[in-house]
Amino acid sequence: MFMNGSFQSPRWQAIFVDNSIVAQRKMFTLESDLDDRLKKKLARHWSAVFFEKVFLGIDEKCFAPLYCGNNGRPNFPVNILVGMEILKEMWNLTDEQLFERYYYDISFRRALGLSDFNEHIIAEKTLYNFRASLAQHDRERGASLMEPVFRMLRDDIIRELGIKTGTRRTDSTLIGANIKKMSRLMLFHKTLSNLVRDMRALEMSVSKEIEEILREDEDRVTYRLDRNEYEKTTRLIAGYLYRLVAGHLGDWRISAQQSYLNARRLIDEQCHISRKKKVFLKESMEISSSSMQNPADPDATYRKKNGEAHRGYAVHATETCDAENAIQVVMDVAVVKNNVDDAAVLAESIAEYKEGSALEMIIADGGFVSDAVREVCLANDVTIITSAIRGKTADASPDRLTSKDFSYDEETGEILLCPAGHAPRSVSVTGTKSVANFNPKKCARCKRRTLCPVRISRTQSRYVVDDTRRWLDERHEALKTGEYQEMCKMRPPVEGLMSQLKPKYLKGRVKFRRIERVRSRMVYRGIGVNFKRYRAHLLDLFLGFIEKLIEACHFSRWAVGVAN
């Protein structure tokens, strides 16, 4: 089916064939022998809902690019592979538990459209190769094949339940990469070790000095060194690494290998190379948070939040939050490097949200506020509600004067009067920025000077205001109103979604490496969250129907008693 798990379209050794025939249920199955009461329960079982609402909604054609159109044997059903991945994340299963339930759990197999235990026997490698091929395709093409599937399943629920998508809330959470924390010495040693390993496999020669320093792994080397030897040894290994990178530059045998690319990147990020080709280590302040943390996952980045170091990724998600909705639906799940600012991610997404779901209002916390977000919201006629304002101004006194307290010329934007009613000595306007100079002697005698934003010196009293300042002051004024506070109260439930997306194992670390694989896991989880909410809604409807039926029976008995 797959060739070493690599994406090589159109040279696949498997022909893409969809599994649409699974929608036609067999006449004689394991369910045929069940008692009628069990059949009724099974009709309401989660597996039946999953089969109808998720499994049948998986568009296998989205994954056709992974296969050859005219060569090889038919592929293993893609909707079963994708369904297994969704169930794995939905129930927090290990791969071992996943395959065990696939082989022996009747409800699990029923959710995947399998009628008996002899259908579609799967080799574990088939699923692993599918993951690898999907990740490589997404990496090479820059787009996820799972996202269209997520959107189709999401939109199906929205249409059925009449979900309003104009108002949404958003948040983000950090997830750790499945990597070991490495010191600089360990990082250089492991990167060198990986490069030499691949060179040996290609029968390329390596010096005895390098062979000697790689006799022990990075942990043992670090353990036996005194602290004052760390930098010297790191510099030595960095020199060996640079020698191999520079010496094989353009060598097609090794230069395309991931180990070589990692080595070259590490030298660029952490070293200075002199004109005489000597290697010097950069100071820690010179190293970017985007630098490689571990060659096992070169996509993972570094971020320090609330005094705690994180190595990995950030998950961003939005969900509907209209009070009239029967359930709230997860609208979008995105994975980015953890050193990317929350506001930057939101700014890039607003236009897409507006076009895709007619976004009118988005509710977030103060970390999502920036000039870029404000501008893109204005351009797309989207209102942003934030529970706090980013920066020092968020802690300003409620009595402090703001730009809202000054008088302006509506046409020119010039500042006309200060809050005390004094006109400025001079005013200039450049673009959206208005600068006013007041009389410093009057400002010094003003009773409200401690609350005024005007900057006073011996020679002038200067006040500068622009669109950003006005917008922030408007937010502060709005935060004081009851209506705005009620809208802010709609944000906290999104933290529950963040908890559902965050892995529950390995102390919040995801088991998969590379950003494409992590993104797929989060999308699978998003589908699982929507399914669970939909399923819970159906149960509520059913229980509500039973309660009304019981009430009707009690009323009928009471009516009969009265009549008698």
Protein backbone atom coordinates (compact mmCIF):
# COMPACT_ATOMS: atom_id res chain seq x y z
CA MET A 1 0.00 0.00 0.00
CA PHE A 2 2.68 2.47 0.99
CA MET A 3 6.33 2.84 0.06
CA ASN A 4 8.23 3.28 3.33
CA GLY A 5 5.53 5.66 4.49
CA SER A 6 6.66 8.32 2.00
CA PHE A 7 4.49 10.48 -0.20
CA GLN A 8 5.47 9.79 -3.80
CA SER A 9 2.45 10.76 -5.87
CA PRO A 10 1.78 9.73 -8.56
CA ARG A 11 4.06 6.67 -8.19
CA TRP A 12 1.94 4.90 -5.56
CA GLN A 13 1.73 1.13 -5.38
CA ALA A 14 -1.95 1.31 -4.38
CA ILE A 15 -5.02 2.42 -6.32
CA PHE A 16 -7.44 4.74 -4.54
CA VAL A 17 -10.85 3.09 -4.13
CA ASP A 18 -13.47 4.57 -1.81
CA ASN A 19 -15.32 2.53 0.79
CA SER A 20 -18.82 3.83 0.05
CA ILE A 21 -20.24 0.30 -0.04
CA VAL A 22 -19.97 0.24 3.76
CA ALA A 23 -23.16 2.33 3.95
CA GLN A 24 -25.07 -0.74 2.77
CA ARG A 25 -25.54 -2.88 5.89
CA LYS A 26 -25.38 -6.67 5.55
CA MET A 27 -28.52 -8.70 6.18
CA PHE A 28 -26.96 -11.21 8.56
CA THR A 29 -24.55 -9.78 11.14
CA LEU A 30 -23.65 -10.19 14.80
CA GLU A 31 -26.53 -7.84 15.61
CA SER A 32 -29.05 -10.21 13.99
CA ASP A 33 -28.84 -12.60 16.94
CA LEU A 34 -29.32 -9.94 19.60
CA ASP A 35 -32.45 -9.66 21.71
CA ASP A 36 -34.94 -6.97 20.55
CA ARG A 37 -34.29 -4.93 23.70
CA LEU A 38 -30.56 -4.96 23.01
CA LYS A 39 -31.18 -3.96 19.41
CA LYS A 40 -33.13 -0.92 20.59
CA LYS A 41 -30.30 0.06 22.93
CA LEU A 42 -27.77 -0.46 20.17
CA ALA A 43 -29.73 1.88 17.89
CA ARG A 44 -29.14 4.66 20.45
CA HIS A 45 -25.58 3.59 21.26
CA TRP A 46 -22.73 6.03 20.66
CA SER A 47 -21.36 3.72 17.96
CA ALA A 48 -24.54 4.05 15.90
CA VAL A 49 -24.42 7.85 16.13
CA PHE A 50 -20.70 7.88 15.28
CA PHE A 51 -21.28 5.69 12.23
CA GLU A 52 -24.10 7.87 10.92
CA LYS A 53 -22.72 11.29 11.83
CA VAL A 54 -18.95 10.92 11.55
CA PHE A 55 -17.93 7.80 9.67
CA LEU A 56 -20.33 8.24 6.75
CA GLY A 57 -19.40 11.93 6.61
CA ILE A 58 -15.68 11.27 5.99
CA ASP A 59 -14.99 12.23 2.38
CA GLU A 60 -12.36 9.73 1.27
CA LYS A 61 -11.73 11.64 -1.96
CA CYS A 62 -9.88 14.25 0.11
CA PHE A 63 -7.12 11.65 0.53
CA ALA A 64 -6.95 10.51 -3.10
CA PRO A 65 -3.70 12.50 -3.69
CA LEU A 66 -1.93 9.98 -1.44
CA TYR A 67 -2.54 7.19 -3.94
CA CYS A 68 -1.85 6.27 -7.53
CA GLY A 69 -4.77 6.42 -9.95
CA ASN A 70 -3.83 3.50 -12.19
CA ASN A 71 -1.25 1.23 -10.57
CA GLY A 72 -1.22 -1.30 -7.72
CA ARG A 73 -3.78 -3.08 -5.61
CA PRO A 74 -6.77 -1.36 -3.94
CA ASN A 75 -5.97 0.62 -0.81
CA PHE A 76 -7.13 -0.18 2.72
CA PRO A 77 -10.35 1.85 3.31
CA VAL A 78 -9.36 5.40 4.18
CA ASN A 79 -12.53 6.14 6.15
CA ILE A 80 -11.67 3.28 8.52
CA LEU A 81 -8.12 4.63 9.02
CA VAL A 82 -9.40 8.16 9.67
CA GLY A 83 -12.21 6.85 11.89
CA MET A 84 -9.69 4.91 13.97
CA GLU A 85 -7.58 8.05 14.43
CA ILE A 86 -10.61 10.06 15.58
CA LEU A 87 -11.60 7.34 18.05
CA LYS A 88 -8.03 7.11 19.35
CA GLU A 89 -7.99 10.81 20.26
CA MET A 90 -11.61 10.89 21.39
CA TRP A 91 -11.04 8.16 23.99
CA ASN A 92 -7.36 8.95 24.74
CA LEU A 93 -6.22 5.49 23.64
CA THR A 94 -2.72 4.21 23.12
CA ASP A 95 -2.05 2.49 19.80
CA GLU A 96 -2.10 -0.87 21.57
CA GLN A 97 -5.53 -0.13 23.05
CA LEU A 98 -6.72 1.19 19.69
CA PHE A 99 -5.89 -2.03 17.82
CA GLU A 100 -7.27 -4.20 20.62
CA ARG A 101 -10.62 -2.46 20.47
CA TYR A 102 -10.59 -2.53 16.67
CA TYR A 103 -10.08 -6.31 16.67
CA TYR A 104 -12.40 -7.35 19.50
CA ASP A 105 -14.86 -4.58 20.48
CA ILE A 106 -18.19 -4.96 18.64
CA SER A 107 -19.31 -1.38 19.37
CA PHE A 108 -15.96 -0.04 18.15
CA ARG A 109 -16.19 -2.02 14.92
CA ARG A 110 -19.82 -1.02 14.46
CA ALA A 111 -18.78 2.65 14.71
CA LEU A 112 -16.46 1.96 11.73
CA GLY A 113 -19.12 0.23 9.66
CA LEU A 114 -17.79 -3.30 10.21
CA SER A 115 -20.44 -6.00 10.60
CA ASP A 116 -18.31 -8.91 11.81
CA PHE A 117 -14.82 -9.71 13.08
CA ASN A 118 -13.49 -11.04 9.79
CA GLU A 119 -13.81 -7.80 7.80
CA HIS A 120 -10.80 -5.64 6.95
CA ILE A 121 -8.07 -7.22 9.03
CA ILE A 122 -5.48 -4.49 9.38
CA ALA A 123 -1.75 -4.66 9.90
CA GLU A 124 -0.47 -2.09 12.39
CA LYS A 125 2.06 -0.86 9.85
CA THR A 126 -0.78 0.13 7.53
CA LEU A 127 -1.97 2.77 9.99
CA TYR A 128 1.58 3.93 10.75
CA ASN A 129 2.37 4.34 7.06
CA PHE A 130 -0.86 6.26 6.53
CA ARG A 131 0.16 8.69 9.28
CA ALA A 132 3.62 9.13 7.78
CA SER A 133 2.28 9.67 4.26
CA LEU A 134 -0.34 12.15 5.44
CA ALA A 135 2.26 14.11 7.43
CA GLN A 136 4.71 14.22 4.53
CA HIS A 137 2.00 15.35 2.10
CA ASP A 138 0.91 18.11 4.48
CA ARG A 139 4.53 19.22 4.97
CA GLU A 140 5.33 19.30 1.25
CA ARG A 141 2.08 20.93 0.15
CA GLY A 142 1.65 23.28 3.13
CA ALA A 143 -1.99 22.29 3.65
CA SER A 144 -3.71 19.67 5.80
CA LEU A 145 -5.86 17.00 4.14
CA MET A 146 -7.76 16.56 7.42
CA GLU A 147 -9.03 20.14 7.67
CA PRO A 148 -11.61 19.80 4.84
CA VAL A 149 -12.93 16.66 6.56
CA PHE A 150 -13.19 18.56 9.87
CA ARG A 151 -15.10 21.40 8.18
CA MET A 152 -17.54 19.07 6.41
CA LEU A 153 -18.39 17.19 9.61
CA ARG A 154 -18.68 20.49 11.50
CA ASP A 155 -20.94 22.10 8.91
CA ASP A 156 -23.21 19.04 8.87
CA ILE A 157 -23.93 19.51 12.59
CA ILE A 158 -24.39 23.27 12.08
CA ARG A 159 -27.00 22.71 9.35
CA GLU A 160 -28.88 20.02 11.26
CA LEU A 161 -29.14 21.94 14.54
CA GLY A 162 -29.35 25.44 13.07
CA ILE A 163 -26.25 26.62 14.94
CA LYS A 164 -25.60 30.38 14.80
CA THR A 165 -21.93 31.04 14.03
CA GLY A 166 -21.80 34.85 14.09
CA THR A 167 -20.54 35.03 17.69
CA ARG A 168 -17.48 33.00 18.64
CA ARG A 169 -14.93 32.79 21.42
CA THR A 170 -11.28 31.86 21.14
CA ASP A 171 -8.36 30.84 23.30
CA SER A 172 -5.04 29.00 23.11
CA THR A 173 -3.09 26.52 25.20
CA LEU A 174 0.48 25.26 25.19
CA ILE A 175 1.22 21.60 24.55
CA GLY A 176 4.61 20.07 25.10
CA ALA A 177 6.55 18.28 22.39
CA ASN A 178 7.49 14.65 22.99
CA ILE A 179 11.17 15.48 23.37
CA LYS A 180 13.84 15.43 26.03
CA LYS A 181 15.01 18.72 27.51
CA MET A 182 18.55 19.22 26.27
CA SER A 183 21.42 21.42 27.32
CA ARG A 184 23.48 23.05 24.58
CA LEU A 185 26.15 20.37 24.93
CA MET A 186 23.60 17.56 24.61
CA LEU A 187 22.00 19.28 21.61
CA PHE A 188 25.25 19.54 19.70
CA HIS A 189 26.29 16.00 20.62
CA LYS A 190 22.96 14.46 19.54
CA THR A 191 22.90 16.42 16.28
CA LEU A 192 26.45 15.30 15.49
CA SER A 193 25.57 11.72 16.39
CA ASN A 194 22.55 11.71 14.05
CA LEU A 195 24.60 13.12 11.18
CA VAL A 196 27.40 10.56 11.65
CA ARG A 197 24.85 7.75 11.83
CA ASP A 198 23.46 8.68 8.41
CA MET A 199 26.96 9.11 6.99
CA ARG A 200 27.91 5.62 8.15
CA ALA A 201 24.78 4.22 6.50
CA LEU A 202 25.97 5.83 3.25
CA GLU A 203 29.47 4.42 3.81
CA MET A 204 30.99 7.89 4.15
CA SER A 205 34.18 8.30 6.18
CA VAL A 206 34.34 10.07 9.55
CA SER A 207 37.50 11.13 11.43
CA LYS A 208 38.77 9.19 14.44
CA GLU A 209 38.34 12.25 16.70
CA ILE A 210 34.63 12.37 15.93
CA GLU A 211 34.30 8.60 16.34
CA GLU A 212 35.98 8.87 19.74
CA ILE A 213 33.73 11.62 21.09
CA LEU A 214 30.66 9.70 19.93
CA ARG A 215 31.64 6.52 21.76
CA GLU A 216 29.26 7.60 24.53
CA ASP A 217 25.80 9.10 24.12
CA GLU A 218 24.94 12.68 25.08
CA ASP A 219 23.72 11.72 28.58
CA ARG A 220 26.91 9.90 29.57
CA VAL A 221 29.14 12.60 28.14
CA THR A 222 27.29 15.25 30.12
CA TYR A 223 27.27 13.16 33.29
CA ARG A 224 31.03 12.65 33.49
CA LEU A 225 32.06 16.24 32.67
CA ASP A 226 32.80 18.90 35.26
CA ARG A 227 30.79 22.06 34.82
CA ASN A 228 33.86 24.08 33.84
CA GLU A 229 34.44 21.65 30.96
CA TYR A 230 30.98 22.09 29.43
CA GLU A 231 31.69 25.08 27.23
CA LYS A 232 35.05 23.77 26.04
CA THR A 233 33.53 20.40 25.04
CA THR A 234 30.52 22.08 23.41
CA ARG A 235 32.84 24.30 21.37
CA LEU A 236 34.87 21.23 20.34
CA ILE A 237 31.76 19.33 19.17
CA ALA A 238 30.47 22.43 17.39
CA GLY A 239 33.78 22.58 15.49
CA TYR A 240 33.45 18.93 14.44
CA LEU A 241 29.87 19.54 13.35
CA TYR A 242 30.82 22.59 11.30
CA ARG A 243 33.65 20.63 9.66
CA LEU A 244 31.19 17.94 8.48
CA VAL A 245 28.57 20.46 7.35
CA ALA A 246 31.03 22.62 5.40
CA GLY A 247 32.90 19.62 4.03
CA HIS A 248 29.78 18.03 2.51
CA LEU A 249 28.01 21.17 1.33
CA GLY A 250 26.33 20.27 -1.95
CA ASP A 251 27.01 16.55 -1.58
CA TRP A 252 23.73 15.06 -2.80
CA ARG A 253 24.28 11.85 -0.85
CA ILE A 254 23.93 13.51 2.55
CA SER A 255 22.88 17.16 2.09
CA ALA A 256 19.18 16.28 1.69
CA GLN A 257 19.05 14.15 4.85
CA GLN A 258 17.18 15.60 7.82
CA SER A 259 20.23 15.04 10.04
CA TYR A 260 22.35 17.26 7.76
CA LEU A 261 19.66 19.95 7.58
CA ASN A 262 19.42 19.93 11.40
CA ALA A 263 23.21 20.21 11.72
CA ARG A 264 23.38 23.13 9.31
CA ARG A 265 20.52 24.86 11.10
CA LEU A 266 22.15 24.37 14.52
CA ILE A 267 25.40 25.93 13.34
CA ASP A 268 23.52 28.93 11.92
CA GLU A 269 21.45 29.43 15.08
CA GLN A 270 24.07 28.92 17.78
CA CYS A 271 27.48 29.71 16.30
CA HIS A 272 29.54 32.54 14.85
CA ILE A 273 32.01 31.55 12.13
CA SER A 274 35.09 33.75 11.79
CA ARG A 275 36.84 34.57 8.53
CA LYS A 276 39.45 31.95 9.42
CA LYS A 277 36.63 29.37 9.77
CA LYS A 278 36.88 29.21 13.54
CA VAL A 279 33.70 28.36 15.43
CA PHE A 280 32.53 30.50 18.38
CA LEU A 281 29.40 29.88 20.44
CA LYS A 282 26.80 32.62 20.57
CA GLU A 283 25.74 34.13 23.88
CA SER A 284 22.40 32.87 25.19
CA MET A 285 20.78 36.28 24.57
CA GLU A 286 21.67 36.01 20.88
CA ILE A 287 19.79 32.75 20.40
CA SER A 288 16.19 33.00 19.18
CA SER A 289 13.31 31.15 20.83
CA SER A 290 12.70 29.65 17.37
CA SER A 291 15.99 27.77 17.57
CA MET A 292 16.00 23.98 17.51
CA GLN A 293 15.31 22.43 20.93
CA ASN A 294 15.89 18.79 20.03
CA PRO A 295 16.70 17.18 16.65
CA ALA A 296 14.00 14.58 17.34
CA ASP A 297 11.44 17.33 16.69
CA PRO A 298 13.01 20.29 14.86
CA ASP A 299 9.64 22.11 14.68
CA ALA A 300 9.31 22.51 18.46
CA THR A 301 10.12 25.99 19.81
CA TYR A 302 10.83 27.55 23.19
CA ARG A 303 8.60 29.85 25.22
CA LYS A 304 8.63 31.04 28.81
CA LYS A 305 5.21 31.72 30.28
CA ASN A 306 4.47 32.63 33.91
CA GLY A 307 8.08 31.82 34.76
CA GLU A 308 7.83 28.28 33.36
CA ALA A 309 9.74 27.06 30.30
CA HIS A 310 7.78 25.30 27.53
CA ARG A 311 9.13 23.42 24.53
CA GLY A 312 6.57 22.52 21.93
CA TYR A 313 3.54 24.05 20.27
CA ALA A 314 0.44 26.16 20.86
CA VAL A 315 -3.10 25.08 19.98
CA HIS A 316 -5.59 27.78 18.97
CA ALA A 317 -9.29 27.04 18.72
CA THR A 318 -12.57 28.89 18.30
CA GLU A 319 -16.10 27.77 19.07
CA THR A 320 -19.57 29.26 18.75
CA CYS A 321 -21.07 30.87 21.85
CA ASP A 322 -24.56 32.06 20.92
CA ALA A 323 -26.96 31.53 23.85
CA GLU A 324 -29.69 30.29 21.48
CA ASN A 325 -27.61 27.39 20.14
CA ALA A 326 -28.57 23.87 21.19
CA ILE A 327 -24.85 23.09 21.50
CA GLN A 328 -21.68 25.06 20.87
CA VAL A 329 -19.61 23.78 17.96
CA VAL A 330 -15.83 23.84 17.61
CA MET A 331 -15.29 25.93 14.48
CA ASP A 332 -11.54 25.89 14.02
CA VAL A 333 -8.45 24.16 15.43
CA ALA A 334 -4.95 25.37 14.54
CA VAL A 335 -1.46 24.40 15.73
CA VAL A 336 1.43 26.87 15.59
CA LYS A 337 4.87 27.11 17.14
CA ASN A 338 4.56 28.16 20.76
CA ASN A 339 6.57 31.39 20.34
CA VAL A 340 4.03 32.85 17.90
CA ASP A 341 1.98 35.64 19.50
CA ASP A 342 -1.71 34.86 20.09
CA ALA A 343 -2.74 38.17 18.53
CA ALA A 344 -0.73 37.43 15.37
CA VAL A 345 -2.55 34.12 14.90
CA LEU A 346 -5.95 35.77 15.37
CA ALA A 347 -5.10 38.63 13.00
CA GLU A 348 -4.31 36.14 10.22
CA SER A 349 -7.57 34.23 10.78
CA ILE A 350 -10.23 36.96 11.09
CA ALA A 351 -10.77 37.39 7.34
CA GLU A 352 -11.11 33.62 6.88
CA TYR A 353 -13.59 33.39 9.76
CA LYS A 354 -15.61 36.25 8.27
CA GLU A 355 -15.79 34.65 4.85
CA GLY A 356 -16.36 31.09 6.03
CA SER A 357 -18.93 31.59 8.80
CA ALA A 358 -20.09 35.22 8.64
CA LEU A 359 -18.27 36.13 11.85
CA GLU A 360 -19.70 39.21 13.58
CA MET A 361 -18.17 39.11 17.05
CA ILE A 362 -15.23 37.31 18.60
CA ILE A 363 -14.59 37.12 22.35
CA ALA A 364 -11.06 36.62 23.70
CA ASP A 365 -8.78 37.52 26.58
CA GLY A 366 -6.35 40.44 26.68
CA GLY A 367 -3.53 38.46 25.05
CA PHE A 368 -5.32 38.60 21.69
CA VAL A 369 -5.30 42.41 21.48
CA SER A 370 -2.90 44.16 19.07
CA ASP A 371 -2.89 46.89 16.45
CA ALA A 372 -3.04 44.25 13.71
CA VAL A 373 -6.10 42.59 15.28
CA ARG A 374 -7.83 45.94 15.68
CA GLU A 375 -7.17 46.89 12.06
CA VAL A 376 -8.27 43.57 10.57
CA CYS A 377 -11.43 43.59 12.72
CA LEU A 378 -12.30 47.08 11.52
CA ALA A 379 -11.61 46.10 7.90
CA ASN A 380 -13.90 43.05 8.15
CA ASP A 381 -16.60 44.69 10.31
CA VAL A 382 -15.96 42.29 13.21
CA THR A 383 -16.39 43.34 16.85
CA ILE A 384 -13.74 42.05 19.25
CA ILE A 385 -14.62 41.73 22.92
CA THR A 386 -11.74 41.23 25.34
CA SER A 387 -11.99 40.41 29.03
CA ALA A 388 -8.89 42.53 29.70
CA ILE A 389 -6.60 44.98 27.94
CA ARG A 390 -3.02 43.97 27.28
CA GLY A 391 -0.25 46.08 28.81
CA LYS A 392 0.19 48.50 31.70
CA THR A 393 -2.95 50.43 30.84
CA ALA A 394 -5.02 47.48 31.96
CA ASP A 395 -4.16 48.36 35.56
CA ALA A 396 -4.94 52.07 35.24
CA SER A 397 -7.09 53.75 37.89
CA PRO A 398 -10.81 53.81 36.97
CA ASP A 399 -10.80 57.58 37.65
CA ARG A 400 -7.89 58.26 35.31
CA LEU A 401 -8.65 60.56 32.38
CA THR A 402 -8.41 59.15 28.86
CA SER A 403 -8.60 60.37 25.28
CA LYS A 404 -12.39 60.09 25.59
CA ASP A 405 -12.34 63.05 27.99
CA PHE A 406 -10.75 65.43 25.43
CA SER A 407 -12.72 67.40 22.82
CA TYR A 408 -11.86 66.91 19.12
CA ASP A 409 -12.68 68.40 15.77
CA GLU A 410 -14.59 65.56 14.10
CA GLU A 411 -13.39 66.49 10.61
CA THR A 412 -9.68 67.13 11.21
CA GLY A 413 -9.12 65.11 14.39
CA GLU A 414 -7.46 68.08 16.11
CA ILE A 415 -7.59 68.26 19.91
CA LEU A 416 -9.73 71.30 20.86
CA LEU A 417 -10.02 71.24 24.67
CA CYS A 418 -8.57 69.30 27.58
CA PRO A 419 -10.89 67.83 30.27
CA ALA A 420 -10.48 71.05 32.30
CA GLY A 421 -11.67 73.13 29.33
CA HIS A 422 -8.30 74.65 28.32
CA ALA A 423 -7.40 75.01 24.64
CA PRO A 424 -3.91 73.90 23.50
CA ARG A 425 -1.30 76.47 22.46
CA SER A 426 -0.61 74.50 19.28
CA VAL A 427 -1.97 71.41 17.53
CA SER A 428 -0.62 69.24 14.71
CA VAL A 429 -2.20 66.26 12.92
CA THR A 430 -0.24 63.63 10.98
CA GLY A 431 -2.33 60.80 9.65
CA THR A 432 -4.31 59.46 12.61
CA LYS A 433 -1.94 60.99 15.17
CA SER A 434 -2.91 64.26 16.86
CA VAL A 435 -0.36 66.18 19.00
CA ALA A 436 -1.42 69.02 21.31
CA ASN A 437 0.83 71.34 23.37
CA PHE A 438 -0.83 72.94 26.42
CA ASN A 439 0.34 75.69 28.77
CA PRO A 440 2.52 73.93 31.40
CA LYS A 441 1.77 76.59 34.04
CA LYS A 442 -1.99 75.96 33.78
CA CYS A 443 -1.44 72.20 33.81
CA ALA A 444 0.72 72.47 36.96
CA ARG A 445 -2.11 74.28 38.80
CA CYS A 446 -4.84 71.88 37.56
CA LYS A 447 -6.55 69.84 40.30
CA ARG A 448 -6.79 66.80 37.99
CA ARG A 449 -3.17 66.78 36.86
CA THR A 450 -2.41 63.48 38.68
CA LEU A 451 -5.15 61.78 36.67
CA CYS A 452 -4.39 63.46 33.34
CA PRO A 453 -2.43 61.65 30.56
CA VAL A 454 -0.78 64.93 29.45
CA ARG A 455 3.01 64.82 29.97
CA ILE A 456 4.20 67.95 31.80
CA SER A 457 7.73 69.37 31.69
CA ARG A 458 9.21 72.81 32.45
CA THR A 459 8.67 74.11 28.93
CA GLN A 460 5.61 72.24 27.64
CA SER A 461 2.64 70.01 28.36
CA ARG A 462 2.33 67.53 25.50
CA TYR A 463 -0.41 65.03 24.68
CA VAL A 464 -0.28 62.54 21.79
CA VAL A 465 -3.26 60.45 20.72
CA ASP A 466 -3.79 58.14 17.73
CA ASP A 467 -6.31 55.51 16.61
CA THR A 468 -4.70 52.82 18.74
CA ARG A 469 -4.87 54.98 21.87
CA ARG A 470 -8.51 55.89 21.17
CA TRP A 471 -9.42 52.24 20.58
CA LEU A 472 -7.78 51.12 23.83
CA ASP A 473 -9.50 53.86 25.78
CA GLU A 474 -12.83 52.86 24.25
CA ARG A 475 -12.18 49.29 25.45
CA HIS A 476 -11.49 50.56 28.98
CA GLU A 477 -14.70 52.58 29.00
CA ALA A 478 -16.66 49.63 27.66
CA LEU A 479 -15.24 47.32 30.34
CA LYS A 480 -17.03 49.45 32.93
CA THR A 481 -20.48 48.82 31.39
CA GLY A 482 -22.76 45.96 32.42
CA GLU A 483 -23.51 44.96 28.80
CA TYR A 484 -19.83 44.53 27.99
CA GLN A 485 -19.25 42.56 31.19
CA GLU A 486 -22.06 40.19 30.25
CA MET A 487 -20.42 39.54 26.89
CA CYS A 488 -17.08 38.94 28.64
CA LYS A 489 -18.76 36.26 30.74
CA MET A 490 -19.25 34.24 27.56
CA ARG A 491 -15.48 33.66 27.25
CA PRO A 492 -14.53 31.40 30.24
CA PRO A 493 -16.24 28.22 28.90
CA VAL A 494 -13.70 28.11 26.05
CA GLU A 495 -11.12 27.11 28.67
CA GLY A 496 -12.98 23.81 28.92
CA LEU A 497 -12.34 23.27 25.22
CA MET A 498 -8.65 23.95 25.79
CA SER A 499 -8.64 21.27 28.48
CA GLN A 500 -10.23 18.79 26.08
CA LEU A 501 -7.67 19.51 23.36
CA LYS A 502 -4.68 19.33 25.70
CA PRO A 503 -3.20 15.80 25.89
CA LYS A 504 -3.91 13.99 29.15
CA TYR A 505 -0.74 11.90 29.10
CA LEU A 506 2.97 12.65 29.52
CA LYS A 507 2.19 15.77 31.61
CA GLY A 508 0.51 17.57 28.72
CA ARG A 509 2.98 16.47 26.05
CA VAL A 510 1.71 15.16 22.74
CA LYS A 511 3.03 11.73 21.74
CA PHE A 512 3.65 12.68 18.12
CA ARG A 513 6.51 14.72 16.68
CA ARG A 514 6.65 17.37 13.93
CA ILE A 515 4.04 20.06 13.57
CA GLU A 516 2.08 18.31 10.77
CA ARG A 517 1.47 15.24 12.92
CA VAL A 518 0.57 17.32 15.98
CA ARG A 519 -1.85 19.39 13.88
CA SER A 520 -3.60 16.23 12.68
CA ARG A 521 -3.98 14.97 16.28
CA MET A 522 -5.60 18.24 17.36
CA VAL A 523 -7.98 18.18 14.37
CA TYR A 524 -8.99 14.61 15.28
CA ARG A 525 -9.62 15.81 18.84
CA GLY A 526 -11.72 18.71 17.54
CA ILE A 527 -13.90 16.27 15.57
CA GLY A 528 -14.22 14.13 18.69
CA VAL A 529 -15.29 17.09 20.83
CA ASN A 530 -18.00 18.06 18.33
CA PHE A 531 -19.24 14.47 18.18
CA LYS A 532 -19.44 14.15 21.98
CA ARG A 533 -21.41 17.39 22.21
CA TYR A 534 -23.76 16.28 19.46
CA ARG A 535 -24.23 12.90 21.11
CA ALA A 536 -24.94 14.54 24.49
CA HIS A 537 -27.57 16.73 22.80
CA LEU A 538 -29.32 13.66 21.38
CA LEU A 539 -29.33 12.06 24.83
CA ASP A 540 -30.85 15.20 26.33
CA LEU A 541 -33.58 15.13 23.70
CA PHE A 542 -34.26 11.46 24.37
CA LEU A 543 -34.36 11.91 28.14
CA GLY A 544 -36.62 14.93 27.70
CA PHE A 545 -38.97 12.83 25.58
CA ILE A 546 -39.05 10.07 28.25
CA GLU A 547 -39.81 12.62 30.98
CA LYS A 548 -42.71 14.05 28.97
CA LEU A 549 -43.98 10.53 28.29
CA ILE A 550 -43.89 9.70 32.01
CA GLU A 551 -45.67 12.95 32.85
CA ALA A 552 -48.31 12.15 30.24
CA CYS A 553 -48.84 8.68 31.75
CA HIS A 554 -49.23 10.13 35.26
CA PHE A 555 -51.70 12.69 33.95
CA SER A 556 -53.69 9.99 32.15
CA ARG A 557 -53.91 7.89 35.33
CA TRP A 558 -54.98 10.95 37.33
CA ALA A 559 -57.63 11.80 34.73
CA VAL A 560 -58.98 8.24 34.78
CA GLY A 561 -59.14 8.32 38.60
CA VAL A 562 -61.06 11.62 38.57
CA ALA A 563 -63.48 10.28 35.99
CA ASN A 564 -64.17 7.19 38.07
